[in-house]
N, C-alpha and C. Protein backbone atom coordinates (compact mmCIF):
# COMPACT_ATOMS: atom_id res chain seq x y z
N MET A 1 -56.05 -120.39 -81.05
CA MET A 1 -54.91 -121.14 -80.04
C MET A 1 -53.67 -120.77 -79.84
N GLY A 2 -53.32 -120.23 -78.54
CA GLY A 2 -52.16 -120.52 -78.72
C GLY A 2 -51.15 -121.82 -77.34
N GLU A 3 -50.27 -121.91 -77.37
CA GLU A 3 -50.12 -122.11 -75.41
C GLU A 3 -50.87 -121.57 -74.60
N ILE A 4 -50.97 -122.02 -73.44
CA ILE A 4 -51.79 -122.50 -72.31
C ILE A 4 -50.76 -122.43 -71.00
N LYS A 5 -51.34 -121.17 -70.03
CA LYS A 5 -50.67 -121.14 -68.91
C LYS A 5 -50.89 -121.25 -67.65
N HIS A 6 -51.77 -121.92 -67.02
CA HIS A 6 -52.04 -122.22 -65.72
C HIS A 6 -50.90 -121.75 -64.20
N LEU A 7 -51.10 -121.45 -63.94
CA LEU A 7 -49.92 -119.80 -62.24
C LEU A 7 -51.39 -120.96 -61.56
N VAL A 8 -50.17 -120.59 -60.63
CA VAL A 8 -51.10 -120.61 -59.16
C VAL A 8 -50.13 -119.97 -58.00
N VAL A 9 -50.78 -119.39 -56.97
CA VAL A 9 -49.79 -119.15 -56.47
C VAL A 9 -50.40 -119.05 -55.23
N VAL A 10 -49.39 -119.83 -54.05
CA VAL A 10 -50.33 -119.85 -53.02
C VAL A 10 -49.91 -119.20 -51.47
N LYS A 11 -49.34 -119.45 -50.05
CA LYS A 11 -49.90 -118.86 -49.08
C LYS A 11 -49.66 -119.37 -48.60
N PHE A 12 -48.64 -121.05 -47.58
CA PHE A 12 -48.79 -122.60 -46.81
C PHE A 12 -49.19 -122.09 -45.75
N LYS A 13 -50.37 -123.12 -45.35
CA LYS A 13 -49.43 -123.29 -43.60
C LYS A 13 -48.92 -123.31 -42.81
N GLU A 14 -48.25 -122.29 -41.52
CA GLU A 14 -47.65 -122.72 -40.67
C GLU A 14 -47.44 -124.60 -40.94
N GLY A 15 -46.03 -124.45 -40.89
CA GLY A 15 -45.25 -126.15 -40.29
C GLY A 15 -45.54 -126.85 -41.85
N VAL A 16 -45.99 -125.78 -42.13
CA VAL A 16 -46.32 -127.51 -44.43
C VAL A 16 -44.32 -127.22 -44.40
N VAL A 17 -43.90 -128.65 -44.65
CA VAL A 17 -42.80 -129.28 -45.03
C VAL A 17 -42.29 -128.61 -47.13
N VAL A 18 -42.58 -127.70 -46.91
CA VAL A 18 -42.30 -126.54 -48.51
C VAL A 18 -41.54 -127.20 -49.48
N GLU A 19 -40.95 -127.74 -49.13
CA GLU A 19 -39.78 -128.69 -49.77
C GLU A 19 -40.18 -130.41 -50.24
N ASP A 20 -41.26 -131.27 -49.20
CA ASP A 20 -41.79 -132.07 -49.41
C ASP A 20 -43.08 -131.36 -51.53
N ILE A 21 -43.23 -130.75 -50.68
CA ILE A 21 -44.81 -130.61 -51.92
C ILE A 21 -43.90 -129.89 -53.04
N VAL A 22 -42.90 -129.30 -52.54
CA VAL A 22 -42.03 -128.70 -53.38
C VAL A 22 -42.25 -130.51 -54.71
N LYS A 23 -41.37 -130.65 -54.30
CA LYS A 23 -40.78 -132.69 -54.25
C LYS A 23 -42.34 -133.47 -55.52
N GLY A 24 -43.21 -133.35 -54.26
CA GLY A 24 -44.01 -133.65 -54.94
C GLY A 24 -44.86 -133.29 -56.15
N MET A 25 -44.78 -131.94 -56.38
CA MET A 25 -45.21 -130.70 -58.06
C MET A 25 -44.27 -131.14 -58.39
N GLU A 26 -42.72 -131.51 -58.45
CA GLU A 26 -42.16 -131.64 -59.90
C GLU A 26 -41.64 -133.62 -59.90
N LYS A 27 -42.40 -133.84 -59.54
CA LYS A 27 -43.24 -135.28 -59.53
C LYS A 27 -43.95 -135.32 -60.23
N LEU A 28 -45.44 -134.93 -59.83
CA LEU A 28 -46.01 -135.82 -60.74
C LEU A 28 -46.02 -134.89 -62.06
N VAL A 29 -45.75 -133.18 -62.24
CA VAL A 29 -45.19 -133.34 -63.77
C VAL A 29 -44.53 -134.03 -65.02
N SER A 30 -43.48 -135.10 -64.26
CA SER A 30 -42.22 -135.97 -64.09
C SER A 30 -43.42 -136.49 -64.99
N GLU A 31 -44.63 -136.99 -64.52
CA GLU A 31 -44.93 -138.34 -65.06
C GLU A 31 -46.37 -138.07 -65.95
N VAL A 32 -46.69 -137.58 -66.42
CA VAL A 32 -47.74 -136.74 -66.84
C VAL A 32 -46.60 -135.62 -67.91
N ASP A 33 -47.76 -136.29 -69.36
CA ASP A 33 -46.41 -135.53 -71.02
C ASP A 33 -47.40 -135.14 -71.33
N LEU A 34 -48.25 -134.13 -70.87
CA LEU A 34 -49.50 -133.14 -71.11
C LEU A 34 -48.78 -131.45 -70.38
N VAL A 35 -48.22 -131.69 -69.77
CA VAL A 35 -47.97 -130.91 -69.06
C VAL A 35 -45.98 -130.47 -69.93
N LYS A 36 -46.11 -129.58 -70.50
CA LYS A 36 -44.98 -128.74 -71.48
C LYS A 36 -43.41 -128.58 -70.96
N SER A 37 -44.11 -127.35 -69.43
CA SER A 37 -42.98 -126.94 -68.52
C SER A 37 -43.54 -126.73 -67.69
N PHE A 38 -42.67 -126.03 -66.61
CA PHE A 38 -43.11 -126.24 -65.10
C PHE A 38 -42.11 -124.83 -65.19
N GLU A 39 -41.84 -124.57 -63.88
CA GLU A 39 -41.71 -123.85 -62.99
C GLU A 39 -41.47 -122.91 -62.21
N TRP A 40 -41.35 -122.98 -61.06
CA TRP A 40 -42.01 -122.38 -59.49
C TRP A 40 -40.93 -121.62 -59.11
N GLY A 41 -41.72 -120.79 -57.89
CA GLY A 41 -40.00 -120.01 -57.07
C GLY A 41 -40.90 -119.53 -56.07
N GLN A 42 -39.68 -119.26 -55.01
CA GLN A 42 -40.42 -118.69 -53.81
C GLN A 42 -40.56 -116.85 -53.71
N ASP A 43 -41.26 -116.26 -53.91
CA ASP A 43 -40.69 -114.67 -53.29
C ASP A 43 -39.62 -113.90 -52.57
N SER A 44 -39.08 -113.36 -52.86
CA SER A 44 -37.95 -112.71 -52.42
C SER A 44 -37.82 -112.02 -52.11
N GLU A 45 -38.38 -111.18 -52.75
CA GLU A 45 -38.39 -109.68 -53.16
C GLU A 45 -39.60 -109.03 -52.36
N GLY A 46 -40.72 -109.55 -52.66
CA GLY A 46 -42.05 -108.40 -52.33
C GLY A 46 -42.41 -107.48 -51.46
N PRO A 47 -43.12 -106.09 -51.18
CA PRO A 47 -42.75 -105.89 -50.09
C PRO A 47 -44.40 -107.20 -49.42
N GLU A 48 -44.35 -106.64 -48.25
CA GLU A 48 -45.57 -107.72 -47.67
C GLU A 48 -47.40 -106.80 -48.18
N MET A 49 -47.41 -106.36 -48.65
CA MET A 49 -47.59 -105.07 -48.43
C MET A 49 -48.12 -105.49 -49.29
N LEU A 50 -47.63 -106.07 -51.26
CA LEU A 50 -48.05 -106.07 -52.36
C LEU A 50 -47.71 -107.41 -52.37
N THR A 51 -47.26 -108.85 -51.22
CA THR A 51 -47.63 -110.37 -51.75
C THR A 51 -48.68 -110.67 -51.11
N GLN A 52 -49.49 -109.99 -50.17
CA GLN A 52 -51.26 -110.39 -49.06
C GLN A 52 -50.04 -111.22 -48.90
N GLY A 53 -49.06 -112.00 -48.18
CA GLY A 53 -48.52 -113.43 -47.89
C GLY A 53 -48.27 -113.71 -48.59
N PHE A 54 -48.66 -114.16 -49.49
CA PHE A 54 -48.54 -115.37 -50.93
C PHE A 54 -46.66 -115.30 -51.19
N THR A 55 -46.37 -116.54 -51.17
CA THR A 55 -45.32 -117.03 -50.69
C THR A 55 -44.39 -117.85 -52.06
N HIS A 56 -45.41 -118.29 -52.55
CA HIS A 56 -44.28 -119.03 -53.98
C HIS A 56 -45.65 -119.45 -55.02
N SER A 57 -45.15 -119.57 -56.40
CA SER A 57 -45.74 -119.56 -57.27
C SER A 57 -44.89 -120.98 -57.90
N PHE A 58 -46.44 -121.14 -58.80
CA PHE A 58 -45.97 -121.74 -60.00
C PHE A 58 -46.74 -122.03 -61.60
N SER A 59 -45.84 -121.87 -62.36
CA SER A 59 -46.58 -122.43 -63.35
C SER A 59 -46.41 -123.42 -64.48
N MET A 60 -47.70 -124.12 -65.53
CA MET A 60 -47.22 -125.50 -65.79
C MET A 60 -47.56 -124.57 -67.52
N THR A 61 -47.16 -124.81 -68.61
CA THR A 61 -47.36 -124.86 -69.70
C THR A 61 -47.82 -125.93 -70.06
N PHE A 62 -49.21 -125.65 -71.08
CA PHE A 62 -49.97 -126.48 -71.90
C PHE A 62 -49.77 -126.61 -73.87
N ASP A 63 -49.58 -126.91 -74.67
CA ASP A 63 -49.70 -126.78 -76.00
C ASP A 63 -50.96 -125.60 -76.50
N LYS A 64 -51.56 -126.96 -75.74
CA LYS A 64 -53.54 -126.09 -76.36
C LYS A 64 -54.50 -126.34 -75.11
N LYS A 65 -55.66 -125.79 -74.43
CA LYS A 65 -56.17 -125.42 -73.84
C LYS A 65 -57.08 -127.61 -73.95
N GLU A 66 -56.98 -128.08 -74.47
CA GLU A 66 -57.11 -129.27 -73.88
C GLU A 66 -56.38 -130.01 -73.37
N ASP A 67 -55.22 -129.87 -74.10
CA ASP A 67 -54.78 -130.57 -72.58
C ASP A 67 -54.66 -130.25 -71.45
N HIS A 68 -54.87 -128.89 -71.14
CA HIS A 68 -54.96 -128.18 -69.84
C HIS A 68 -56.45 -129.08 -68.57
N VAL A 69 -57.39 -129.21 -69.59
CA VAL A 69 -58.53 -129.74 -69.25
C VAL A 69 -58.27 -131.08 -69.48
N ALA A 70 -57.54 -131.98 -70.21
CA ALA A 70 -57.12 -133.57 -69.40
C ALA A 70 -56.89 -133.71 -68.58
N PHE A 71 -55.45 -132.97 -68.95
CA PHE A 71 -54.19 -132.42 -67.02
C PHE A 71 -55.12 -132.15 -65.55
N GLN A 72 -56.61 -131.68 -65.85
CA GLN A 72 -57.58 -131.44 -64.59
C GLN A 72 -58.29 -132.60 -64.40
N SER A 73 -58.28 -133.50 -65.27
CA SER A 73 -58.26 -134.76 -64.33
C SER A 73 -57.77 -135.78 -64.28
N HIS A 74 -56.69 -136.24 -64.87
CA HIS A 74 -55.56 -137.09 -64.38
C HIS A 74 -55.30 -137.42 -63.57
N PRO A 75 -55.60 -138.36 -63.48
CA PRO A 75 -55.67 -139.47 -62.40
C PRO A 75 -54.16 -139.11 -60.71
N ASN A 76 -53.26 -138.77 -61.50
CA ASN A 76 -52.33 -138.77 -60.74
C ASN A 76 -52.52 -136.80 -61.06
N HIS A 77 -52.89 -136.66 -61.20
CA HIS A 77 -53.02 -134.64 -61.08
C HIS A 77 -54.14 -134.84 -59.59
N VAL A 78 -55.54 -135.93 -60.32
CA VAL A 78 -56.78 -135.63 -59.08
C VAL A 78 -55.29 -136.16 -57.68
N GLU A 79 -54.72 -137.50 -57.55
CA GLU A 79 -53.79 -137.27 -56.37
C GLU A 79 -53.50 -136.35 -55.30
N TYR A 80 -52.97 -135.58 -56.02
CA TYR A 80 -51.86 -135.14 -55.69
C TYR A 80 -52.58 -133.31 -55.18
N SER A 81 -53.90 -133.36 -55.74
CA SER A 81 -54.32 -132.00 -55.60
C SER A 81 -54.74 -132.34 -54.14
N ALA A 82 -55.25 -133.39 -53.95
CA ALA A 82 -55.68 -132.79 -52.23
C ALA A 82 -54.98 -133.53 -51.28
N THR A 83 -53.68 -133.57 -51.40
CA THR A 83 -52.26 -132.68 -50.57
C THR A 83 -51.41 -131.99 -50.91
N PHE A 84 -51.84 -130.76 -52.50
CA PHE A 84 -51.07 -129.43 -52.40
C PHE A 84 -52.69 -129.23 -51.39
N SER A 85 -53.70 -128.57 -51.93
CA SER A 85 -55.23 -128.25 -51.47
C SER A 85 -54.77 -128.41 -49.60
N ALA A 86 -54.61 -129.64 -48.88
CA ALA A 86 -54.07 -130.08 -47.55
C ALA A 86 -53.26 -129.28 -46.70
N ALA A 87 -51.77 -128.12 -47.57
CA ALA A 87 -50.46 -127.82 -47.54
C ALA A 87 -51.49 -125.86 -47.81
N ILE A 88 -51.66 -125.63 -48.36
CA ILE A 88 -52.58 -125.08 -48.92
C ILE A 88 -53.43 -123.14 -48.57
N GLU A 89 -52.93 -122.42 -47.54
CA GLU A 89 -53.62 -121.63 -46.73
C GLU A 89 -54.37 -120.44 -47.44
N LYS A 90 -54.40 -119.56 -48.40
CA LYS A 90 -54.32 -118.99 -49.18
C LYS A 90 -54.30 -118.89 -50.84
N ILE A 91 -54.76 -119.43 -51.81
CA ILE A 91 -54.41 -119.62 -53.13
C ILE A 91 -55.21 -118.50 -53.72
N VAL A 92 -54.68 -118.32 -55.91
CA VAL A 92 -55.30 -117.47 -56.49
C VAL A 92 -54.89 -118.23 -57.67
N VAL A 93 -55.82 -118.97 -58.86
CA VAL A 93 -55.26 -119.82 -58.88
C VAL A 93 -55.61 -118.74 -61.35
N LEU A 94 -54.98 -118.38 -62.04
CA LEU A 94 -55.24 -118.02 -63.53
C LEU A 94 -54.21 -118.52 -63.96
N CYS A 95 -55.52 -119.36 -65.42
CA CYS A 95 -54.83 -119.85 -66.73
C CYS A 95 -55.69 -119.35 -67.83
N PHE A 96 -54.65 -118.95 -68.65
CA PHE A 96 -55.54 -118.46 -69.54
C PHE A 96 -53.92 -118.28 -70.73
N PRO A 97 -54.40 -117.85 -72.05
CA PRO A 97 -53.90 -118.65 -72.82
C PRO A 97 -52.09 -117.75 -73.02
N SER A 98 -51.70 -117.77 -73.58
CA SER A 98 -50.31 -117.12 -73.30
C SER A 98 -49.95 -116.03 -74.18
N VAL A 99 -49.62 -115.00 -74.62
CA VAL A 99 -49.21 -114.13 -75.13
C VAL A 99 -47.82 -113.77 -74.87
N CYS A 100 -46.70 -113.96 -76.26
CA CYS A 100 -45.78 -113.80 -76.26
C CYS A 100 -45.50 -112.63 -76.43
N VAL A 101 -44.32 -111.55 -75.97
CA VAL A 101 -44.25 -110.01 -76.09
C VAL A 101 -42.78 -110.24 -77.03
N LYS A 102 -42.13 -110.68 -75.67
CA LYS A 102 -40.36 -110.63 -76.16
C LYS A 102 -39.78 -112.16 -75.36
N PRO A 103 -39.69 -113.16 -76.93
CA PRO A 103 -39.51 -114.34 -76.46
C PRO A 103 -37.62 -114.88 -75.57
N SER A 104 -37.77 -115.99 -75.51
CA SER A 104 -36.22 -115.80 -74.56
C SER A 104 -35.57 -115.66 -75.88
N ALA A 105 -34.68 -115.30 -75.44
CA ALA A 105 -32.80 -115.48 -76.08
C ALA A 105 -32.18 -117.29 -76.33
N SER A 106 -32.43 -117.57 -76.97
CA SER A 106 -31.39 -118.07 -77.56
C SER A 106 -30.79 -118.42 -76.72
N ALA A 107 -29.30 -120.31 -76.40
CA ALA A 107 -28.80 -119.84 -75.64
C ALA A 107 -27.60 -120.53 -76.30
């Protein structure tokens, strides 16, 4: 099995300072070597009927399933999860083995 993707799509609660949440997430992934890569983004183009109110996505890549499992119980993740969970109104989480059809072009 190849890389594991951990995709989180959220709608934050009214009044949440999203920048603080993102900074916390960036700090978390920089402190935990199990995370191979991290990306996030805010919806800017999706029609409301398709986004269903979800506004942000966060994607982490792990080398293998065991790394993702270890990340879930890592003390930094457990601690940050409380902050993150308190800020969200709706969430979808998907974890899946990555299937690369077209790799990134080399710079």
